[in-house]
Amino acid sequence: MTTPAQRTRILVVEDNPDFLELLCGRLENWGYEVLKAPNGEASLRIAQAHRPDLILLDVLMPTMKGWDVCAQLKADPNTERIPIIFLTALGLPEHIKAGKSLGADDYLVKPFKPEELQERINTCLLRHKDGSMNSQERRS
């Protein structure tokens, strides 16, 4: 039997290769299908091609910051509905406010506990699913 996590595709955008592998391994152990992007440019291509159910997005990356990735994804009708959780070392209130103002669904400061990440993912996916169902019901 397939669990909901096994049907859920998560794109992880992280420029630190060690953290990327650690995080992806954890997500795979939880049953998620994982897509990896080592930078912002790759994440935009992967999001367009594979339409993940959720994006975990670092902010501090070379060449293209996570802020810019989020803004581009939310401005594109093909990707605007994909929920985004920022995972970053930037933890000041103004950083969190900036992330949310760009359209991120949640914001988690590194380092974090795996259980906290799992809870945030579950909450975000449920909220998005409920929102999608409600908007589909309104169209009927």
N, C-alpha and C. Protein backbone atom coordinates (compact mmCIF):
# COMPACT_ATOMS: atom_id res chain seq x y z
N MET A 1 0.84 -1.19 0.00
CA MET A 1 0.00 0.00 0.00
C MET A 1 0.88 1.25 0.00
N THR A 2 0.47 2.24 -0.73
CA THR A 2 1.24 3.48 -0.85
C THR A 2 0.74 4.49 0.17
N THR A 3 1.66 5.09 0.90
CA THR A 3 1.28 6.12 1.86
C THR A 3 1.24 7.46 1.15
N PRO A 4 0.56 8.46 1.73
CA PRO A 4 0.54 9.79 1.10
C PRO A 4 1.93 10.35 0.84
N ALA A 5 2.86 10.10 1.77
CA ALA A 5 4.22 10.62 1.60
C ALA A 5 4.87 10.06 0.34
N GLN A 6 4.59 8.78 0.03
CA GLN A 6 5.22 8.17 -1.14
C GLN A 6 4.71 8.76 -2.45
N ARG A 7 3.57 9.36 -2.43
CA ARG A 7 3.04 9.99 -3.63
C ARG A 7 3.41 11.47 -3.71
N THR A 8 4.05 11.97 -2.68
CA THR A 8 4.37 13.39 -2.61
C THR A 8 5.79 13.65 -3.09
N ARG A 9 5.91 14.58 -4.02
CA ARG A 9 7.21 14.93 -4.60
C ARG A 9 7.68 16.25 -4.02
N ILE A 10 8.89 16.23 -3.42
CA ILE A 10 9.46 17.43 -2.81
C ILE A 10 10.74 17.80 -3.54
N LEU A 11 10.83 19.06 -3.94
CA LEU A 11 12.05 19.60 -4.52
C LEU A 11 12.85 20.28 -3.42
N VAL A 12 14.10 19.86 -3.25
CA VAL A 12 14.99 20.45 -2.25
C VAL A 12 16.02 21.30 -2.98
N VAL A 13 16.08 22.58 -2.63
CA VAL A 13 17.01 23.52 -3.27
C VAL A 13 18.02 23.95 -2.20
N GLU A 14 19.25 23.47 -2.36
CA GLU A 14 20.29 23.69 -1.34
C GLU A 14 21.65 23.63 -2.00
N ASP A 15 22.48 24.65 -1.78
CA ASP A 15 23.80 24.69 -2.42
C ASP A 15 24.88 23.95 -1.64
N ASN A 16 24.64 23.61 -0.37
CA ASN A 16 25.61 22.84 0.41
C ASN A 16 25.39 21.36 0.12
N PRO A 17 26.33 20.70 -0.60
CA PRO A 17 26.10 19.32 -1.02
C PRO A 17 25.92 18.34 0.14
N ASP A 18 26.63 18.55 1.23
CA ASP A 18 26.49 17.64 2.38
C ASP A 18 25.10 17.77 3.01
N PHE A 19 24.65 19.01 3.19
CA PHE A 19 23.33 19.21 3.78
C PHE A 19 22.24 18.74 2.81
N LEU A 20 22.45 18.95 1.52
CA LEU A 20 21.49 18.50 0.51
C LEU A 20 21.30 16.99 0.60
N GLU A 21 22.40 16.25 0.67
CA GLU A 21 22.31 14.79 0.74
C GLU A 21 21.68 14.33 2.05
N LEU A 22 22.05 14.96 3.15
CA LEU A 22 21.48 14.61 4.45
C LEU A 22 19.97 14.84 4.46
N LEU A 23 19.56 15.99 4.00
CA LEU A 23 18.14 16.34 3.99
C LEU A 23 17.35 15.43 3.04
N CYS A 24 17.89 15.20 1.86
CA CYS A 24 17.19 14.34 0.90
C CYS A 24 17.08 12.91 1.42
N GLY A 25 18.14 12.43 2.06
CA GLY A 25 18.09 11.09 2.65
C GLY A 25 17.00 10.97 3.70
N ARG A 26 16.88 11.99 4.52
CA ARG A 26 15.85 12.00 5.56
C ARG A 26 14.45 11.98 4.92
N LEU A 27 14.26 12.82 3.91
CA LEU A 27 12.96 12.88 3.23
C LEU A 27 12.62 11.56 2.56
N GLU A 28 13.60 10.93 1.93
CA GLU A 28 13.38 9.63 1.30
C GLU A 28 13.01 8.58 2.34
N ASN A 29 13.67 8.62 3.50
CA ASN A 29 13.33 7.69 4.58
C ASN A 29 11.90 7.89 5.07
N TRP A 30 11.40 9.11 4.99
CA TRP A 30 10.02 9.40 5.38
C TRP A 30 9.04 9.00 4.28
N GLY A 31 9.55 8.58 3.12
CA GLY A 31 8.68 8.09 2.06
C GLY A 31 8.38 9.06 0.94
N TYR A 32 9.04 10.21 0.93
CA TYR A 32 8.80 11.19 -0.13
C TYR A 32 9.64 10.89 -1.35
N GLU A 33 9.13 11.25 -2.51
CA GLU A 33 9.92 11.27 -3.73
C GLU A 33 10.66 12.60 -3.73
N VAL A 34 11.98 12.56 -3.91
CA VAL A 34 12.79 13.77 -3.75
C VAL A 34 13.47 14.15 -5.05
N LEU A 35 13.36 15.43 -5.38
CA LEU A 35 14.10 16.04 -6.49
C LEU A 35 15.12 16.97 -5.87
N LYS A 36 16.31 17.05 -6.46
CA LYS A 36 17.39 17.88 -5.91
C LYS A 36 17.80 18.97 -6.88
N ALA A 37 18.04 20.15 -6.32
CA ALA A 37 18.58 21.26 -7.12
C ALA A 37 19.70 21.92 -6.31
N PRO A 38 20.91 22.00 -6.88
CA PRO A 38 22.04 22.58 -6.15
C PRO A 38 22.09 24.11 -6.21
N ASN A 39 21.16 24.72 -6.95
CA ASN A 39 21.16 26.19 -7.06
C ASN A 39 19.79 26.67 -7.55
N GLY A 40 19.62 27.98 -7.52
CA GLY A 40 18.35 28.57 -7.89
C GLY A 40 17.95 28.35 -9.34
N GLU A 41 18.92 28.49 -10.24
CA GLU A 41 18.61 28.33 -11.66
C GLU A 41 18.10 26.92 -11.95
N ALA A 42 18.76 25.92 -11.41
CA ALA A 42 18.34 24.53 -11.61
C ALA A 42 16.96 24.30 -11.01
N SER A 43 16.69 24.93 -9.88
CA SER A 43 15.39 24.72 -9.23
C SER A 43 14.24 25.22 -10.10
N LEU A 44 14.44 26.32 -10.80
CA LEU A 44 13.38 26.84 -11.68
C LEU A 44 13.10 25.86 -12.82
N ARG A 45 14.15 25.31 -13.40
CA ARG A 45 13.98 24.33 -14.49
C ARG A 45 13.27 23.07 -13.98
N ILE A 46 13.70 22.57 -12.82
CA ILE A 46 13.12 21.35 -12.27
C ILE A 46 11.66 21.58 -11.87
N ALA A 47 11.37 22.71 -11.27
CA ALA A 47 9.99 23.01 -10.88
C ALA A 47 9.07 23.06 -12.09
N GLN A 48 9.54 23.64 -13.19
CA GLN A 48 8.74 23.69 -14.42
C GLN A 48 8.53 22.29 -15.00
N ALA A 49 9.59 21.50 -15.02
CA ALA A 49 9.52 20.19 -15.66
C ALA A 49 8.77 19.14 -14.84
N HIS A 50 8.87 19.20 -13.52
CA HIS A 50 8.35 18.12 -12.68
C HIS A 50 7.21 18.51 -11.75
N ARG A 51 6.92 19.79 -11.63
CA ARG A 51 5.82 20.28 -10.80
C ARG A 51 5.76 19.57 -9.44
N PRO A 52 6.72 19.82 -8.57
CA PRO A 52 6.71 19.17 -7.25
C PRO A 52 5.50 19.60 -6.43
N ASP A 53 5.20 18.81 -5.41
CA ASP A 53 4.09 19.13 -4.51
C ASP A 53 4.49 20.15 -3.45
N LEU A 54 5.81 20.29 -3.24
CA LEU A 54 6.34 21.19 -2.23
C LEU A 54 7.79 21.50 -2.57
N ILE A 55 8.24 22.71 -2.24
CA ILE A 55 9.64 23.08 -2.44
C ILE A 55 10.22 23.52 -1.11
N LEU A 56 11.36 22.92 -0.75
CA LEU A 56 12.16 23.35 0.41
C LEU A 56 13.29 24.17 -0.16
N LEU A 57 13.37 25.44 0.20
CA LEU A 57 14.23 26.40 -0.49
C LEU A 57 15.18 27.13 0.45
N ASP A 58 16.48 26.99 0.19
CA ASP A 58 17.49 27.75 0.91
C ASP A 58 17.45 29.19 0.40
N VAL A 59 17.91 30.13 1.21
CA VAL A 59 17.95 31.53 0.79
C VAL A 59 19.33 31.91 0.28
N LEU A 60 20.36 31.59 1.06
CA LEU A 60 21.72 32.04 0.74
C LEU A 60 22.41 31.07 -0.21
N MET A 61 22.29 31.36 -1.50
CA MET A 61 22.93 30.55 -2.53
C MET A 61 23.64 31.48 -3.49
N PRO A 62 24.73 31.00 -4.11
CA PRO A 62 25.43 31.85 -5.08
C PRO A 62 24.60 32.06 -6.35
N THR A 63 24.85 33.10 -7.02
CA THR A 63 24.25 33.52 -8.29
C THR A 63 22.77 33.89 -8.22
N MET A 64 21.95 33.08 -7.57
CA MET A 64 20.53 33.40 -7.47
C MET A 64 20.04 33.04 -6.07
N LYS A 65 19.64 34.04 -5.33
CA LYS A 65 19.18 33.84 -3.95
C LYS A 65 17.79 33.19 -3.93
N GLY A 66 17.51 32.52 -2.83
CA GLY A 66 16.21 31.90 -2.66
C GLY A 66 15.06 32.88 -2.74
N TRP A 67 15.31 34.13 -2.29
CA TRP A 67 14.26 35.17 -2.40
C TRP A 67 13.83 35.31 -3.86
N ASP A 68 14.83 35.37 -4.76
CA ASP A 68 14.54 35.56 -6.19
C ASP A 68 13.85 34.34 -6.79
N VAL A 69 14.28 33.16 -6.36
CA VAL A 69 13.64 31.93 -6.84
C VAL A 69 12.16 31.93 -6.45
N CYS A 70 11.89 32.22 -5.19
CA CYS A 70 10.51 32.26 -4.70
C CYS A 70 9.68 33.26 -5.49
N ALA A 71 10.21 34.45 -5.69
CA ALA A 71 9.48 35.48 -6.43
C ALA A 71 9.16 35.02 -7.85
N GLN A 72 10.12 34.39 -8.52
CA GLN A 72 9.89 33.92 -9.89
C GLN A 72 8.87 32.79 -9.93
N LEU A 73 8.96 31.86 -8.97
CA LEU A 73 8.01 30.76 -8.93
C LEU A 73 6.59 31.27 -8.68
N LYS A 74 6.44 32.22 -7.78
CA LYS A 74 5.12 32.75 -7.45
C LYS A 74 4.56 33.66 -8.54
N ALA A 75 5.43 34.19 -9.40
CA ALA A 75 4.98 35.04 -10.51
C ALA A 75 4.58 34.24 -11.74
N ASP A 76 4.91 32.96 -11.76
CA ASP A 76 4.65 32.10 -12.92
C ASP A 76 3.35 31.31 -12.69
N PRO A 77 2.37 31.44 -13.56
CA PRO A 77 1.11 30.71 -13.39
C PRO A 77 1.28 29.19 -13.31
N ASN A 78 2.35 28.67 -13.90
CA ASN A 78 2.58 27.22 -13.87
C ASN A 78 3.12 26.73 -12.53
N THR A 79 3.70 27.62 -11.73
CA THR A 79 4.31 27.20 -10.47
C THR A 79 3.82 27.98 -9.25
N GLU A 80 2.96 28.95 -9.46
CA GLU A 80 2.55 29.84 -8.37
C GLU A 80 1.85 29.14 -7.22
N ARG A 81 1.25 27.99 -7.46
CA ARG A 81 0.49 27.29 -6.42
C ARG A 81 1.32 26.27 -5.66
N ILE A 82 2.57 26.08 -6.06
CA ILE A 82 3.43 25.13 -5.35
C ILE A 82 3.83 25.74 -4.01
N PRO A 83 3.53 25.06 -2.90
CA PRO A 83 3.92 25.61 -1.61
C PRO A 83 5.44 25.61 -1.43
N ILE A 84 5.94 26.64 -0.75
CA ILE A 84 7.37 26.80 -0.52
C ILE A 84 7.63 26.98 0.96
N ILE A 85 8.60 26.24 1.46
CA ILE A 85 9.10 26.43 2.82
C ILE A 85 10.56 26.85 2.71
N PHE A 86 10.88 28.02 3.22
CA PHE A 86 12.28 28.44 3.28
C PHE A 86 12.98 27.69 4.41
N LEU A 87 14.16 27.15 4.12
CA LEU A 87 15.05 26.55 5.11
C LEU A 87 16.34 27.34 5.05
N THR A 88 16.63 28.13 6.08
CA THR A 88 17.75 29.05 5.98
C THR A 88 18.33 29.38 7.35
N ALA A 89 19.56 29.86 7.34
CA ALA A 89 20.21 30.32 8.57
C ALA A 89 19.76 31.73 8.94
N LEU A 90 19.09 32.42 8.05
CA LEU A 90 18.63 33.79 8.31
C LEU A 90 17.38 33.74 9.18
N GLY A 91 17.54 34.11 10.45
CA GLY A 91 16.43 33.94 11.37
C GLY A 91 15.90 35.18 12.04
N LEU A 92 16.30 36.35 11.58
CA LEU A 92 15.77 37.57 12.17
C LEU A 92 14.32 37.78 11.74
N PRO A 93 13.54 38.47 12.56
CA PRO A 93 12.13 38.70 12.21
C PRO A 93 11.94 39.32 10.83
N GLU A 94 12.84 40.23 10.44
CA GLU A 94 12.68 40.85 9.12
C GLU A 94 12.93 39.85 7.98
N HIS A 95 13.78 38.84 8.22
CA HIS A 95 14.00 37.80 7.21
C HIS A 95 12.73 36.97 7.04
N ILE A 96 12.16 36.57 8.17
CA ILE A 96 10.94 35.76 8.13
C ILE A 96 9.81 36.54 7.45
N LYS A 97 9.68 37.80 7.80
CA LYS A 97 8.65 38.66 7.19
C LYS A 97 8.88 38.78 5.68
N ALA A 98 10.14 38.94 5.27
CA ALA A 98 10.46 39.05 3.84
C ALA A 98 10.09 37.77 3.11
N GLY A 99 10.42 36.62 3.69
CA GLY A 99 10.09 35.35 3.06
C GLY A 99 8.60 35.15 2.89
N LYS A 100 7.85 35.47 3.92
CA LYS A 100 6.40 35.32 3.85
C LYS A 100 5.79 36.32 2.86
N SER A 101 6.36 37.53 2.79
CA SER A 101 5.82 38.54 1.87
C SER A 101 6.05 38.15 0.41
N LEU A 102 7.04 37.30 0.16
CA LEU A 102 7.29 36.82 -1.20
C LEU A 102 6.36 35.67 -1.58
N GLY A 103 5.60 35.17 -0.62
CA GLY A 103 4.65 34.11 -0.91
C GLY A 103 5.02 32.76 -0.34
N ALA A 104 6.09 32.69 0.46
CA ALA A 104 6.45 31.42 1.09
C ALA A 104 5.36 31.01 2.07
N ASP A 105 5.11 29.72 2.15
CA ASP A 105 4.08 29.20 3.05
C ASP A 105 4.60 29.05 4.48
N ASP A 106 5.91 28.84 4.61
CA ASP A 106 6.49 28.69 5.93
C ASP A 106 7.96 29.04 5.87
N TYR A 107 8.58 29.10 7.04
CA TYR A 107 9.96 29.57 7.15
C TYR A 107 10.57 28.85 8.34
N LEU A 108 11.61 28.07 8.11
CA LEU A 108 12.25 27.31 9.18
C LEU A 108 13.72 27.67 9.23
N VAL A 109 14.19 28.03 10.43
CA VAL A 109 15.56 28.49 10.60
C VAL A 109 16.48 27.32 10.93
N LYS A 110 17.62 27.24 10.23
CA LYS A 110 18.64 26.23 10.50
C LYS A 110 19.44 26.67 11.73
N PRO A 111 19.89 25.76 12.55
CA PRO A 111 19.56 24.33 12.53
C PRO A 111 18.16 24.09 13.10
N PHE A 112 17.56 23.02 12.65
CA PHE A 112 16.22 22.67 13.11
C PHE A 112 16.20 21.18 13.41
N LYS A 113 15.21 20.75 14.16
CA LYS A 113 15.04 19.34 14.48
C LYS A 113 14.29 18.67 13.34
N PRO A 114 14.68 17.45 12.98
CA PRO A 114 13.98 16.74 11.90
C PRO A 114 12.47 16.65 12.14
N GLU A 115 12.08 16.44 13.39
CA GLU A 115 10.65 16.33 13.70
C GLU A 115 9.92 17.64 13.39
N GLU A 116 10.60 18.75 13.62
CA GLU A 116 9.98 20.05 13.32
C GLU A 116 9.78 20.21 11.82
N LEU A 117 10.78 19.80 11.04
CA LEU A 117 10.66 19.87 9.59
C LEU A 117 9.52 18.98 9.11
N GLN A 118 9.46 17.77 9.63
CA GLN A 118 8.41 16.85 9.22
C GLN A 118 7.02 17.42 9.53
N GLU A 119 6.87 18.02 10.69
CA GLU A 119 5.59 18.63 11.06
C GLU A 119 5.25 19.80 10.13
N ARG A 120 6.24 20.63 9.82
CA ARG A 120 5.99 21.78 8.93
C ARG A 120 5.59 21.30 7.53
N ILE A 121 6.27 20.26 7.04
CA ILE A 121 5.93 19.70 5.73
C ILE A 121 4.49 19.19 5.74
N ASN A 122 4.16 18.39 6.75
CA ASN A 122 2.80 17.83 6.83
C ASN A 122 1.75 18.93 6.89
N THR A 123 1.98 19.92 7.73
CA THR A 123 1.03 21.03 7.87
C THR A 123 0.87 21.78 6.56
N CYS A 124 1.98 22.06 5.91
CA CYS A 124 1.95 22.81 4.65
C CYS A 124 1.20 22.02 3.57
N LEU A 125 1.48 20.74 3.47
CA LEU A 125 0.82 19.91 2.46
C LEU A 125 -0.68 19.79 2.73
N LEU A 126 -1.05 19.63 4.00
CA LEU A 126 -2.47 19.55 4.34
C LEU A 126 -3.19 20.86 4.05
N ARG A 127 -2.56 21.96 4.42
CA ARG A 127 -3.15 23.28 4.17
C ARG A 127 -3.33 23.51 2.67
N HIS A 128 -2.32 23.12 1.90
CA HIS A 128 -2.39 23.30 0.45
C HIS A 128 -3.46 22.40 -0.15
N LYS A 129 -3.51 21.15 0.32
CA LYS A 129 -4.52 20.21 -0.18
C LYS A 129 -5.92 20.72 0.14
N ASP A 130 -6.13 21.19 1.37
CA ASP A 130 -7.44 21.72 1.75
C ASP A 130 -7.79 22.94 0.90
N GLY A 131 -6.82 23.80 0.66
CA GLY A 131 -7.05 24.98 -0.17
C GLY A 131 -7.40 24.61 -1.59
N SER A 132 -6.71 23.59 -2.14
CA SER A 132 -7.00 23.14 -3.50
C SER A 132 -8.39 22.54 -3.58
N MET A 133 -8.74 21.75 -2.56
CA MET A 133 -10.07 21.14 -2.56
C MET A 133 -11.15 22.21 -2.45
N ASN A 134 -10.93 23.19 -1.59
CA ASN A 134 -11.91 24.26 -1.44
C ASN A 134 -12.09 25.05 -2.72
N SER A 135 -10.99 25.34 -3.42
CA SER A 135 -11.12 26.09 -4.67
C SER A 135 -11.77 25.25 -5.75
N GLN A 136 -11.54 23.92 -5.75
CA GLN A 136 -12.20 23.05 -6.71
C GLN A 136 -13.70 22.99 -6.42
N GLU A 137 -14.05 22.93 -5.14
CA GLU A 137 -15.46 22.90 -4.77
C GLU A 137 -16.17 24.18 -5.20
N ARG A 138 -15.48 25.31 -5.08
CA ARG A 138 -16.09 26.59 -5.48
C ARG A 138 -16.34 26.64 -6.98
N ARG A 139 -15.48 25.96 -7.75
CA ARG A 139 -15.65 25.96 -9.21
C ARG A 139 -16.81 25.08 -9.64
N SER A 140 -17.15 24.06 -8.83
CA SER A 140 -18.21 23.11 -9.20
C SER A 140 -19.58 23.74 -9.13
